[in-house]
Amino acid sequence: MAKKISSGTAHQLPEDLKRAIMADKVVLKKWNDITPLARNEWICWTISVKQDETRRDHVKRVVSELKEGMRRPCCWSGCIHRKDKPMNASQKWILSKRAKSK
């Protein structure tokens, strides 16, 4: 029987994160139990980093933090890619800082 894994709202589940989630039955169950918006937050938090090492760390943290009962990434401003709501002031500020550093 194939394992079913759900994705996010604005993002599709990347292969590295998918493999990590599917490797652990407890994590897979918790992943499928959170809302599509919560899954989207985890995916965006994981793919929004620039360095491969940081991304690998985020993938590991998704697994461990889901096991700990967290339902969304902590201390993160949220997905800037969603089209169903306007960006908040924190997201706009972060984007303006990124634009100035380029």
N, C-alpha and C. Protein backbone atom coordinates (compact mmCIF):
# COMPACT_ATOMS: atom_id res chain seq x y z
N MET A 1 0.84 -1.18 0.00
CA MET A 1 0.00 0.00 0.00
C MET A 1 0.89 1.26 0.00
N ALA A 2 0.63 2.18 -0.89
CA ALA A 2 1.41 3.41 -0.99
C ALA A 2 1.03 4.37 0.14
N LYS A 3 2.03 5.06 0.65
CA LYS A 3 1.78 6.07 1.68
C LYS A 3 1.29 7.34 1.01
N LYS A 4 0.27 7.95 1.59
CA LYS A 4 -0.25 9.20 1.06
C LYS A 4 0.37 10.36 1.83
N ILE A 5 0.81 11.37 1.09
CA ILE A 5 1.39 12.55 1.73
C ILE A 5 0.78 13.79 1.11
N SER A 6 0.36 14.71 1.95
CA SER A 6 -0.29 15.92 1.49
C SER A 6 0.73 17.03 1.27
N SER A 7 0.35 18.03 0.46
CA SER A 7 1.23 19.15 0.16
C SER A 7 0.70 20.42 0.81
N GLY A 8 1.20 21.56 0.37
CA GLY A 8 0.77 22.85 0.91
C GLY A 8 -0.25 23.52 0.01
N THR A 9 -0.45 24.81 0.20
CA THR A 9 -1.41 25.55 -0.61
C THR A 9 -0.71 26.28 -1.76
N ALA A 10 0.35 26.99 -1.47
CA ALA A 10 1.08 27.73 -2.51
C ALA A 10 2.31 26.97 -2.99
N HIS A 11 2.74 25.97 -2.23
CA HIS A 11 3.97 25.23 -2.54
C HIS A 11 3.69 23.75 -2.65
N GLN A 12 4.41 23.10 -3.57
CA GLN A 12 4.41 21.65 -3.64
C GLN A 12 5.52 21.13 -2.73
N LEU A 13 5.36 19.96 -2.24
CA LEU A 13 6.32 19.36 -1.33
C LEU A 13 7.60 18.98 -2.09
N PRO A 14 8.75 19.57 -1.71
CA PRO A 14 10.00 19.22 -2.40
C PRO A 14 10.46 17.81 -2.01
N GLU A 15 11.21 17.18 -2.89
CA GLU A 15 11.59 15.77 -2.72
C GLU A 15 12.39 15.53 -1.44
N ASP A 16 13.32 16.40 -1.08
CA ASP A 16 14.12 16.16 0.12
C ASP A 16 13.26 16.16 1.37
N LEU A 17 12.33 17.08 1.47
CA LEU A 17 11.44 17.14 2.61
C LEU A 17 10.46 15.97 2.59
N LYS A 18 9.99 15.62 1.41
CA LYS A 18 9.06 14.49 1.27
C LYS A 18 9.72 13.20 1.76
N ARG A 19 10.96 12.96 1.34
CA ARG A 19 11.68 11.75 1.76
C ARG A 19 11.83 11.70 3.28
N ALA A 20 12.19 12.85 3.87
CA ALA A 20 12.40 12.90 5.32
C ALA A 20 11.09 12.62 6.07
N ILE A 21 10.01 13.17 5.60
CA ILE A 21 8.71 12.97 6.26
C ILE A 21 8.25 11.52 6.10
N MET A 22 8.41 10.98 4.92
CA MET A 22 7.93 9.62 4.65
C MET A 22 8.78 8.56 5.33
N ALA A 23 9.98 8.92 5.76
CA ALA A 23 10.87 7.96 6.40
C ALA A 23 10.44 7.63 7.83
N ASP A 24 9.52 8.39 8.38
CA ASP A 24 9.11 8.21 9.77
C ASP A 24 7.58 8.19 9.84
N LYS A 25 7.00 7.07 10.25
CA LYS A 25 5.54 6.92 10.27
C LYS A 25 4.87 7.96 11.18
N VAL A 26 5.49 8.25 12.31
CA VAL A 26 4.92 9.22 13.26
C VAL A 26 4.88 10.60 12.63
N VAL A 27 5.97 10.98 11.98
CA VAL A 27 6.05 12.30 11.34
C VAL A 27 5.06 12.39 10.18
N LEU A 28 4.96 11.33 9.40
CA LEU A 28 4.01 11.32 8.28
C LEU A 28 2.58 11.51 8.78
N LYS A 29 2.23 10.83 9.84
CA LYS A 29 0.89 10.98 10.41
C LYS A 29 0.66 12.41 10.89
N LYS A 30 1.64 12.98 11.57
CA LYS A 30 1.51 14.36 12.07
C LYS A 30 1.45 15.35 10.91
N TRP A 31 2.25 15.11 9.86
CA TRP A 31 2.25 15.98 8.68
C TRP A 31 0.87 15.99 8.03
N ASN A 32 0.30 14.83 7.85
CA ASN A 32 -1.02 14.74 7.20
C ASN A 32 -2.14 15.25 8.11
N ASP A 33 -1.86 15.38 9.41
CA ASP A 33 -2.86 15.85 10.36
C ASP A 33 -2.93 17.38 10.46
N ILE A 34 -1.87 18.08 10.04
CA ILE A 34 -1.90 19.54 10.12
C ILE A 34 -2.63 20.11 8.90
N THR A 35 -3.02 21.36 8.98
CA THR A 35 -3.78 21.98 7.90
C THR A 35 -2.91 22.20 6.66
N PRO A 36 -3.52 22.35 5.49
CA PRO A 36 -2.75 22.67 4.28
C PRO A 36 -1.95 23.97 4.44
N LEU A 37 -2.50 24.96 5.14
CA LEU A 37 -1.75 26.20 5.36
C LEU A 37 -0.55 25.98 6.26
N ALA A 38 -0.68 25.14 7.27
CA ALA A 38 0.45 24.82 8.14
C ALA A 38 1.53 24.08 7.35
N ARG A 39 1.11 23.12 6.52
CA ARG A 39 2.09 22.41 5.67
C ARG A 39 2.80 23.40 4.75
N ASN A 40 2.04 24.33 4.21
CA ASN A 40 2.62 25.34 3.33
C ASN A 40 3.68 26.17 4.07
N GLU A 41 3.41 26.51 5.33
CA GLU A 41 4.37 27.28 6.12
C GLU A 41 5.67 26.50 6.29
N TRP A 42 5.57 25.20 6.61
CA TRP A 42 6.76 24.38 6.77
C TRP A 42 7.54 24.30 5.45
N ILE A 43 6.83 24.09 4.35
CA ILE A 43 7.51 23.98 3.05
C ILE A 43 8.22 25.29 2.72
N CYS A 44 7.52 26.41 2.84
CA CYS A 44 8.11 27.70 2.51
C CYS A 44 9.31 27.99 3.40
N TRP A 45 9.19 27.70 4.69
CA TRP A 45 10.28 27.91 5.63
C TRP A 45 11.51 27.10 5.22
N THR A 46 11.27 25.90 4.71
CA THR A 46 12.36 25.02 4.30
C THR A 46 13.03 25.48 3.01
N ILE A 47 12.24 25.92 2.04
CA ILE A 47 12.81 26.25 0.72
C ILE A 47 13.28 27.70 0.61
N SER A 48 12.98 28.53 1.59
CA SER A 48 13.31 29.96 1.50
C SER A 48 14.75 30.29 1.88
N VAL A 49 15.52 29.31 2.26
CA VAL A 49 16.91 29.55 2.66
C VAL A 49 17.82 29.54 1.43
N LYS A 50 19.00 30.11 1.58
CA LYS A 50 19.92 30.23 0.44
C LYS A 50 20.96 29.12 0.39
N GLN A 51 21.39 28.64 1.54
CA GLN A 51 22.50 27.68 1.57
C GLN A 51 21.98 26.25 1.74
N ASP A 52 22.66 25.31 1.06
CA ASP A 52 22.27 23.90 1.13
C ASP A 52 22.33 23.36 2.55
N GLU A 53 23.35 23.76 3.29
CA GLU A 53 23.49 23.29 4.67
C GLU A 53 22.31 23.75 5.53
N THR A 54 21.90 24.99 5.35
CA THR A 54 20.75 25.51 6.10
C THR A 54 19.48 24.76 5.71
N ARG A 55 19.35 24.47 4.44
CA ARG A 55 18.16 23.73 4.00
C ARG A 55 18.13 22.34 4.62
N ARG A 56 19.27 21.65 4.63
CA ARG A 56 19.32 20.33 5.25
C ARG A 56 18.94 20.42 6.73
N ASP A 57 19.41 21.48 7.39
CA ASP A 57 19.06 21.70 8.79
C ASP A 57 17.56 21.92 8.96
N HIS A 58 16.96 22.69 8.06
CA HIS A 58 15.52 22.94 8.14
C HIS A 58 14.73 21.65 7.93
N VAL A 59 15.16 20.82 7.00
CA VAL A 59 14.46 19.56 6.77
C VAL A 59 14.50 18.71 8.04
N LYS A 60 15.68 18.62 8.67
CA LYS A 60 15.80 17.87 9.92
C LYS A 60 14.92 18.47 11.01
N ARG A 61 14.88 19.79 11.07
CA ARG A 61 14.07 20.45 12.10
C ARG A 61 12.58 20.23 11.87
N VAL A 62 12.14 20.18 10.63
CA VAL A 62 10.72 19.89 10.37
C VAL A 62 10.37 18.55 11.00
N VAL A 63 11.20 17.55 10.77
CA VAL A 63 10.95 16.22 11.31
C VAL A 63 10.95 16.25 12.83
N SER A 64 11.97 16.82 13.43
CA SER A 64 12.06 16.79 14.90
C SER A 64 10.98 17.65 15.54
N GLU A 65 10.66 18.81 14.96
CA GLU A 65 9.68 19.69 15.57
C GLU A 65 8.25 19.15 15.41
N LEU A 66 7.97 18.47 14.31
CA LEU A 66 6.66 17.81 14.19
C LEU A 66 6.53 16.73 15.24
N LYS A 67 7.62 15.98 15.47
CA LYS A 67 7.59 14.94 16.50
C LYS A 67 7.33 15.54 17.88
N GLU A 68 7.85 16.74 18.10
CA GLU A 68 7.67 17.42 19.38
C GLU A 68 6.27 18.02 19.53
N GLY A 69 5.50 18.01 18.45
CA GLY A 69 4.13 18.51 18.52
C GLY A 69 3.92 19.89 17.93
N MET A 70 4.97 20.49 17.39
CA MET A 70 4.80 21.81 16.75
C MET A 70 4.00 21.64 15.47
N ARG A 71 3.13 22.60 15.21
CA ARG A 71 2.28 22.53 14.04
C ARG A 71 2.69 23.54 12.96
N ARG A 72 3.50 24.51 13.32
CA ARG A 72 4.02 25.51 12.38
C ARG A 72 5.42 25.91 12.79
N PRO A 73 6.22 26.43 11.85
CA PRO A 73 7.55 26.89 12.24
C PRO A 73 7.45 28.10 13.18
N CYS A 74 8.24 28.09 14.19
CA CYS A 74 8.22 29.15 15.20
C CYS A 74 9.06 30.35 14.74
N CYS A 75 8.68 31.52 15.17
CA CYS A 75 9.48 32.74 14.96
C CYS A 75 9.77 32.99 13.48
N TRP A 76 8.79 32.81 12.63
CA TRP A 76 8.96 33.01 11.19
C TRP A 76 7.80 33.85 10.70
N SER A 77 8.06 34.78 9.82
CA SER A 77 7.03 35.75 9.43
C SER A 77 5.93 35.18 8.54
N GLY A 78 6.12 34.01 8.01
CA GLY A 78 5.08 33.38 7.19
C GLY A 78 5.40 33.42 5.70
N CYS A 79 4.64 32.67 4.95
CA CYS A 79 4.86 32.51 3.52
C CYS A 79 4.49 33.78 2.76
N ILE A 80 5.45 34.29 2.01
CA ILE A 80 5.21 35.50 1.20
C ILE A 80 4.63 35.16 -0.17
N HIS A 81 4.48 33.87 -0.46
CA HIS A 81 4.04 33.44 -1.79
C HIS A 81 2.54 33.23 -1.91
N ARG A 82 1.84 33.29 -0.78
CA ARG A 82 0.38 33.08 -0.82
C ARG A 82 -0.30 34.23 -1.55
N LYS A 83 -1.26 33.88 -2.38
CA LYS A 83 -1.99 34.89 -3.15
C LYS A 83 -3.36 35.20 -2.54
N ASP A 84 -3.74 34.46 -1.50
CA ASP A 84 -5.08 34.62 -0.92
C ASP A 84 -5.14 35.65 0.21
N LYS A 85 -3.99 36.27 0.54
CA LYS A 85 -4.01 37.30 1.57
C LYS A 85 -2.86 38.26 1.33
N PRO A 86 -3.01 39.52 1.74
CA PRO A 86 -1.92 40.49 1.57
C PRO A 86 -0.78 40.20 2.54
N MET A 87 0.43 40.63 2.17
CA MET A 87 1.57 40.48 3.06
C MET A 87 1.40 41.39 4.27
N ASN A 88 1.90 40.91 5.41
CA ASN A 88 1.84 41.76 6.60
C ASN A 88 3.05 42.69 6.64
N ALA A 89 3.08 43.59 7.58
CA ALA A 89 4.14 44.60 7.67
C ALA A 89 5.52 43.97 7.86
N SER A 90 5.60 42.90 8.65
CA SER A 90 6.88 42.23 8.86
C SER A 90 7.43 41.63 7.57
N GLN A 91 6.56 41.01 6.80
CA GLN A 91 6.98 40.41 5.54
C GLN A 91 7.48 41.48 4.57
N LYS A 92 6.76 42.59 4.49
CA LYS A 92 7.18 43.69 3.61
C LYS A 92 8.53 44.24 4.03
N TRP A 93 8.75 44.36 5.35
CA TRP A 93 10.01 44.88 5.85
C TRP A 93 11.17 43.95 5.48
N ILE A 94 10.95 42.63 5.65
CA ILE A 94 11.99 41.65 5.32
C ILE A 94 12.32 41.71 3.83
N LEU A 95 11.31 41.80 2.99
CA LEU A 95 11.55 41.88 1.55
C LEU A 95 12.29 43.15 1.17
N SER A 96 11.97 44.26 1.84
CA SER A 96 12.67 45.51 1.53
C SER A 96 14.14 45.43 1.94
N LYS A 97 14.44 44.75 3.04
CA LYS A 97 15.82 44.57 3.48
C LYS A 97 16.59 43.69 2.50
N ARG A 98 15.93 42.65 2.01
CA ARG A 98 16.57 41.77 1.03
C ARG A 98 16.87 42.53 -0.26
N ALA A 99 15.95 43.34 -0.69
CA ALA A 99 16.11 44.09 -1.95
C ALA A 99 17.28 45.07 -1.83
N LYS A 100 17.45 45.70 -0.69
CA LYS A 100 18.53 46.65 -0.47
C LYS A 100 19.89 45.98 -0.42
N SER A 101 19.94 44.73 0.00
CA SER A 101 21.22 44.02 0.13
C SER A 101 21.72 43.45 -1.18
N LYS A 102 20.89 43.48 -2.22
CA LYS A 102 21.30 42.91 -3.52
C LYS A 102 22.08 43.87 -4.34
